C-alpha atoms as a PDB file:
ATOM      1  CA  UNK A   1     179.536 101.688  75.926  1.00  0.00           C
ATOM      2  CA  UNK A   2     176.951 103.019  78.376  1.00  0.00           C
ATOM      3  CA  UNK A   3     174.916 106.127  77.627  1.00  0.00           C
ATOM      4  CA  UNK A   4     176.818 107.957  80.364  1.00  0.00           C
ATOM      5  CA  UNK A   5     180.194 106.987  78.897  1.00  0.00           C
ATOM      6  CA  UNK A   6     179.031 107.949  75.407  1.00  0.00           C
ATOM      7  CA  UNK A   7     177.889 111.337  76.706  1.00  0.00           C
ATOM      8  CA  UNK A   8     181.260 111.828  78.434  1.00  0.00           C
ATOM      9  CA  UNK A   9     183.154 111.029  75.223  1.00  0.00           C
ATOM     10  CA  UNK A  10     180.933 113.396  73.229  1.00  0.00           C
ATOM     11  CA  UNK A  11     181.473 116.169  75.781  1.00  0.00           C
ATOM     12  CA  UNK A  12     185.243 115.628  75.591  1.00  0.00           C
ATOM     13  CA  UNK A  13     185.112 115.614  71.774  1.00  0.00           C
ATOM     14  CA  UNK A  14     183.197 118.896  71.777  1.00  0.00           C
ATOM     15  CA  UNK A  15     185.680 120.440  74.227  1.00  0.00           C
ATOM     16  CA  UNK A  16     188.598 119.340  72.061  1.00  0.00           C
ATOM     17  CA  UNK A  17     186.846 120.765  69.015  1.00  0.00           C
ATOM     18  CA  UNK A  18     186.291 124.087  70.807  1.00  0.00           C
ATOM     19  CA  UNK A  19     189.967 124.164  71.790  1.00  0.00           C
ATOM     20  CA  UNK A  20     190.995 123.484  68.197  1.00  0.00           C
ATOM     21  CA  UNK A  21     188.751 126.320  66.975  1.00  0.00           C
ATOM     22  CA  UNK A  22     190.488 128.631  69.456  1.00  0.00           C
ATOM     23  CA  UNK A  23     193.931 127.366  68.431  1.00  0.00           C
ATOM     24  CA  UNK A  24     193.223 127.989  64.744  1.00  0.00           C
ATOM     25  CA  UNK A  25     192.137 131.524  65.584  1.00  0.00           C
ATOM     26  CA  UNK A  26     195.105 132.049  67.883  1.00  0.00           C
ATOM     27  CA  UNK A  27     197.589 130.892  65.288  1.00  0.00           C
ATOM     28  CA  UNK A  28     196.181 133.521  62.951  1.00  0.00           C
ATOM     29  CA  UNK A  29     197.348 136.062  65.510  1.00  0.00           C
ATOM     30  CA  UNK A  30     200.662 134.262  66.038  1.00  0.00           C
ATOM     31  CA  UNK A  31     201.333 134.199  62.302  1.00  0.00           C
ATOM     32  CA  UNK A  32     200.829 137.930  62.067  1.00  0.00           C
ATOM     33  CA  UNK A  33     203.440 138.695  64.724  1.00  0.00           C
ATOM     34  CA  UNK A  34     205.895 135.786  64.836  1.00  0.00           C
ATOM     35  CA  UNK A  35     208.416 137.067  62.320  1.00  0.00           C
ATOM     36  CA  UNK A  36     210.049 135.274  59.410  1.00  0.00           C
ATOM     37  CA  UNK A  37     212.339 133.117  61.547  1.00  0.00           C
ATOM     38  CA  UNK A  38     209.501 131.008  63.004  1.00  0.00           C
ATOM     39  CA  UNK A  39     206.757 131.590  60.448  1.00  0.00           C
ATOM     40  CA  UNK A  40     207.104 128.098  58.943  1.00  0.00           C
ATOM     41  CA  UNK A  41     206.689 126.590  62.409  1.00  0.00           C
ATOM     42  CA  UNK A  42     203.563 128.676  63.005  1.00  0.00           C
ATOM     43  CA  UNK A  43     202.091 127.671  59.634  1.00  0.00           C
ATOM     44  CA  UNK A  44     202.759 124.013  60.350  1.00  0.00           C
ATOM     45  CA  UNK A  45     201.006 124.250  63.723  1.00  0.00           C
ATOM     46  CA  UNK A  46     198.105 126.152  62.150  1.00  0.00           C
ATOM     47  CA  UNK A  47     197.687 123.422  59.531  1.00  0.00           C
ATOM     48  CA  UNK A  48     197.882 120.688  62.180  1.00  0.00           C
ATOM     49  CA  UNK A  49     195.167 122.347  64.253  1.00  0.00           C
ATOM     50  CA  UNK A  50     192.940 122.831  61.211  1.00  0.00           C
ATOM     51  CA  UNK A  51     193.288 119.140  60.358  1.00  0.00           C
ATOM     52  CA  UNK A  52     192.520 118.085  63.955  1.00  0.00           C
ATOM     53  CA  UNK A  53     189.569 120.487  64.057  1.00  0.00           C
ATOM     54  CA  UNK A  54     188.103 119.021  60.876  1.00  0.00           C
ATOM     55  CA  UNK A  55     188.618 115.439  62.098  1.00  0.00           C
ATOM     56  CA  UNK A  56     186.945 116.223  65.420  1.00  0.00           C
ATOM     57  CA  UNK A  57     183.974 117.832  63.675  1.00  0.00           C
ATOM     58  CA  UNK A  58     183.557 114.621  61.651  1.00  0.00           C
ATOM     59  CA  UNK A  59     183.762 112.512  64.819  1.00  0.00           C
ATOM     60  CA  UNK A  60     181.101 114.617  66.515  1.00  0.00           C
ATOM     61  CA  UNK A  61     178.823 114.333  63.463  1.00  0.00           C
ATOM     62  CA  UNK A  62     179.461 110.576  63.322  1.00  0.00           C
ATOM     63  CA  UNK A  63     178.341 110.409  66.952  1.00  0.00           C
ATOM     64  CA  UNK A  64     175.036 111.965  65.892  1.00  0.00           C
ATOM     65  CA  UNK A  65     175.636 115.415  67.363  1.00  0.00           C
ATOM     66  CA  UNK A  66     176.092 118.899  65.964  1.00  0.00           C
ATOM     67  CA  UNK A  67     179.713 120.066  66.241  1.00  0.00           C
ATOM     68  CA  UNK A  68     180.296 123.112  68.407  1.00  0.00           C
ATOM     69  CA  UNK A  69     180.793 126.141  66.175  1.00  0.00           C
ATOM     70  CA  UNK A  70     183.773 128.438  66.248  1.00  0.00           C
ATOM     71  CA  UNK A  71     183.283 131.812  67.859  1.00  0.00           C
ATOM     72  CA  UNK A  72     183.504 134.899  65.682  1.00  0.00           C
ATOM     73  CA  UNK A  73     186.433 136.095  67.800  1.00  0.00           C
ATOM     74  CA  UNK A  74     188.375 134.995  70.875  1.00  0.00           C
ATOM     75  CA  UNK A  75     189.754 136.981  73.785  1.00  0.00           C
ATOM     76  CA  UNK A  76     193.496 136.519  73.961  1.00  0.00           C
ATOM     77  CA  UNK A  77     195.041 135.861  77.393  1.00  0.00           C
ATOM     78  CA  UNK A  78     197.439 138.800  76.873  1.00  0.00           C
ATOM     79  CA  UNK A  79     198.329 141.366  74.235  1.00  0.00           C
ATOM     80  CA  UNK A  80     200.384 140.000  71.330  1.00  0.00           C
ATOM     81  CA  UNK A  81     202.595 142.777  70.005  1.00  0.00           C
ATOM     82  CA  UNK A  82     205.786 141.111  68.757  1.00  0.00           C
ATOM     83  CA  UNK A  83     207.523 137.803  68.040  1.00  0.00           C
ATOM     84  CA  UNK A  84     208.203 137.149  71.734  1.00  0.00           C
ATOM     85  CA  UNK A  85     204.581 137.489  72.805  1.00  0.00           C
ATOM     86  CA  UNK A  86     203.470 135.588  69.683  1.00  0.00           C
ATOM     87  CA  UNK A  87     205.664 132.647  70.705  1.00  0.00           C
ATOM     88  CA  UNK A  88     204.282 132.881  74.236  1.00  0.00           C
ATOM     89  CA  UNK A  89     200.738 132.772  72.840  1.00  0.00           C
ATOM     90  CA  UNK A  90     201.598 129.739  70.702  1.00  0.00           C
ATOM     91  CA  UNK A  91     202.914 127.937  73.797  1.00  0.00           C
ATOM     92  CA  UNK A  92     199.757 128.849  75.704  1.00  0.00           C
ATOM     93  CA  UNK A  93     197.528 127.611  72.871  1.00  0.00           C
ATOM     94  CA  UNK A  94     199.360 124.299  72.768  1.00  0.00           C
ATOM     95  CA  UNK A  95     199.160 123.845  76.540  1.00  0.00           C
ATOM     96  CA  UNK A  96     195.427 124.495  76.458  1.00  0.00           C
ATOM     97  CA  UNK A  97     194.914 122.045  73.618  1.00  0.00           C
ATOM     98  CA  UNK A  98     196.981 119.395  75.424  1.00  0.00           C
ATOM     99  CA  UNK A  99     194.861 119.815  78.540  1.00  0.00           C
ATOM    100  CA  UNK A 100     191.622 119.262  76.662  1.00  0.00           C
ATOM    101  CA  UNK A 101     192.994 116.226  74.869  1.00  0.00           C
ATOM    102  CA  UNK A 102     193.933 114.712  78.231  1.00  0.00           C
ATOM    103  CA  UNK A 103     190.217 114.752  79.065  1.00  0.00           C
ATOM    104  CA  UNK A 104     189.453 112.989  75.782  1.00  0.00           C
ATOM    105  CA  UNK A 105     192.141 110.380  76.497  1.00  0.00           C
ATOM    106  CA  UNK A 106     190.446 109.679  79.852  1.00  0.00           C
ATOM    107  CA  UNK A 107     186.961 109.475  78.340  1.00  0.00           C
ATOM    108  CA  UNK A 108     187.605 107.571  75.127  1.00  0.00           C
ATOM    109  CA  UNK A 109     188.734 104.062  74.400  1.00  0.00           C
ATOM    110  CA  UNK A 110     190.364 102.086  71.641  1.00  0.00           C
ATOM    111  CA  UNK A 111     191.391 103.883  68.464  1.00  0.00           C
ATOM    112  CA  UNK A 112     189.775 107.122  69.609  1.00  0.00           C
ATOM    113  CA  UNK A 113     191.913 107.115  72.766  1.00  0.00           C
ATOM    114  CA  UNK A 114     195.035 106.501  70.676  1.00  0.00           C
ATOM    115  CA  UNK A 115     194.196 109.418  68.399  1.00  0.00           C
ATOM    116  CA  UNK A 116     193.571 111.694  71.389  1.00  0.00           C
ATOM    117  CA  UNK A 117     196.858 110.616  72.978  1.00  0.00           C
ATOM    118  CA  UNK A 118     198.679 111.397  69.726  1.00  0.00           C
ATOM    119  CA  UNK A 119     197.064 114.843  69.609  1.00  0.00           C
ATOM    120  CA  UNK A 120     198.024 115.475  73.248  1.00  0.00           C
ATOM    121  CA  UNK A 121     201.615 114.438  72.533  1.00  0.00           C
ATOM    122  CA  UNK A 122     201.836 116.652  69.426  1.00  0.00           C
ATOM    123  CA  UNK A 123     200.490 119.667  71.315  1.00  0.00           C
ATOM    124  CA  UNK A 124     202.857 119.044  74.232  1.00  0.00           C
ATOM    125  CA  UNK A 125     205.858 118.846  71.893  1.00  0.00           C
ATOM    126  CA  UNK A 126     204.833 122.064  70.142  1.00  0.00           C
ATOM    127  CA  UNK A 127     204.364 123.767  73.540  1.00  0.00           C
ATOM    128  CA  UNK A 128     207.937 122.840  74.483  1.00  0.00           C
ATOM    129  CA  UNK A 129     209.248 124.101  71.150  1.00  0.00           C
ATOM    130  CA  UNK A 130     207.503 127.427  71.598  1.00  0.00           C
ATOM    131  CA  UNK A 131     208.251 127.954  75.281  1.00  0.00           C
ATOM    132  CA  UNK A 132     211.523 126.136  75.812  1.00  0.00           C
ATOM    133  CA  UNK A 133     210.013 124.590  78.959  1.00  0.00           C
ATOM    134  CA  UNK A 134     208.558 121.158  79.521  1.00  0.00           C
ATOM    135  CA  UNK A 135     206.276 119.586  82.076  1.00  0.00           C
ATOM    136  CA  UNK A 136     206.313 116.024  83.395  1.00  0.00           C
ATOM    137  CA  UNK A 137     202.752 115.122  82.458  1.00  0.00           C
ATOM    138  CA  UNK A 138     201.220 117.524  79.919  1.00  0.00           C
ATOM    139  CA  UNK A 139     197.533 118.083  80.464  1.00  0.00           C
ATOM    140  CA  UNK A 140     197.403 116.717  84.008  1.00  0.00           C
ATOM    141  CA  UNK A 141     198.811 118.219  87.219  1.00  0.00           C
ATOM    142  CA  UNK A 142     199.773 121.463  85.527  1.00  0.00           C
ATOM    143  CA  UNK A 143     196.143 122.606  85.555  1.00  0.00           C
ATOM    144  CA  UNK A 144     196.840 124.326  88.860  1.00  0.00           C
ATOM    145  CA  UNK A 145     199.815 126.282  87.477  1.00  0.00           C
ATOM    146  CA  UNK A 146     199.441 129.997  86.767  1.00  0.00           C
ATOM    147  CA  UNK A 147     198.272 131.110  83.337  1.00  0.00           C
ATOM    148  CA  UNK A 148     200.918 132.104  80.863  1.00  0.00           C
ATOM    149  CA  UNK A 149     203.137 129.100  81.544  1.00  0.00           C
ATOM    150  CA  UNK A 150     203.392 126.264  79.064  1.00  0.00           C
ATOM    151  CA  UNK A 151     201.662 123.969  81.523  1.00  0.00           C
ATOM    152  CA  UNK A 152     199.093 126.452  82.818  1.00  0.00           C
ATOM    153  CA  UNK A 153     195.421 125.726  83.227  1.00  0.00           C
ATOM    154  CA  UNK A 154     193.665 125.173  79.995  1.00  0.00           C
ATOM    155  CA  UNK A 155     190.040 124.756  79.382  1.00  0.00           C
ATOM    156  CA  UNK A 156     188.429 125.295  76.054  1.00  0.00           C
ATOM    157  CA  UNK A 157     186.517 128.188  77.597  1.00  0.00           C
ATOM    158  CA  UNK A 158     189.558 129.973  79.026  1.00  0.00           C
ATOM    159  CA  UNK A 159     190.292 131.746  75.768  1.00  0.00           C
ATOM    160  CA  UNK A 160     187.122 131.771  73.639  1.00  0.00           C
ATOM    161  CA  UNK A 161     184.843 134.746  73.953  1.00  0.00           C
ATOM    162  CA  UNK A 162     182.587 135.713  71.095  1.00  0.00           C
ATOM    163  CA  UNK A 163     182.139 139.152  72.603  1.00  0.00           C
ATOM    164  CA  UNK A 164     185.844 139.950  72.657  1.00  0.00           C
ATOM    165  CA  UNK A 165     188.183 140.763  69.846  1.00  0.00           C
ATOM    166  CA  UNK A 166     191.973 140.780  69.897  1.00  0.00           C
END
């Protein structure tokens, strides 16, 4: 792999890691507001994002880089006050994660690409479960959709903000 391709993969890994940090934080908010009916689903997603986050941090270290750190706090895209807005936030988190993994799928190859594709698929399925809406190609053309939709634009920097608190 060329130095340029290696740098592109590392950048995509770091972006995915940043998105996973934000998702872990966001699911802390979701869990506090989702209500008993969907709490198990929120916990499962939280655990999945923690596992992906830890795996990505290992991949970044294995590539000889320092993993991007989590922010102390993240600005939420909207106020989360009840189970309905908590589910909407969960769908938004999943859409954002799917978008970042699509970049990693494009940049990576081999087993790493397969792992990124699996992560994209898992996030897309969770987004549909939370929102009740699906998109044809998660993480691709939907980047131009308005925020707040399951397929809305999602960059790792769209939500994180160390200066903001929920």
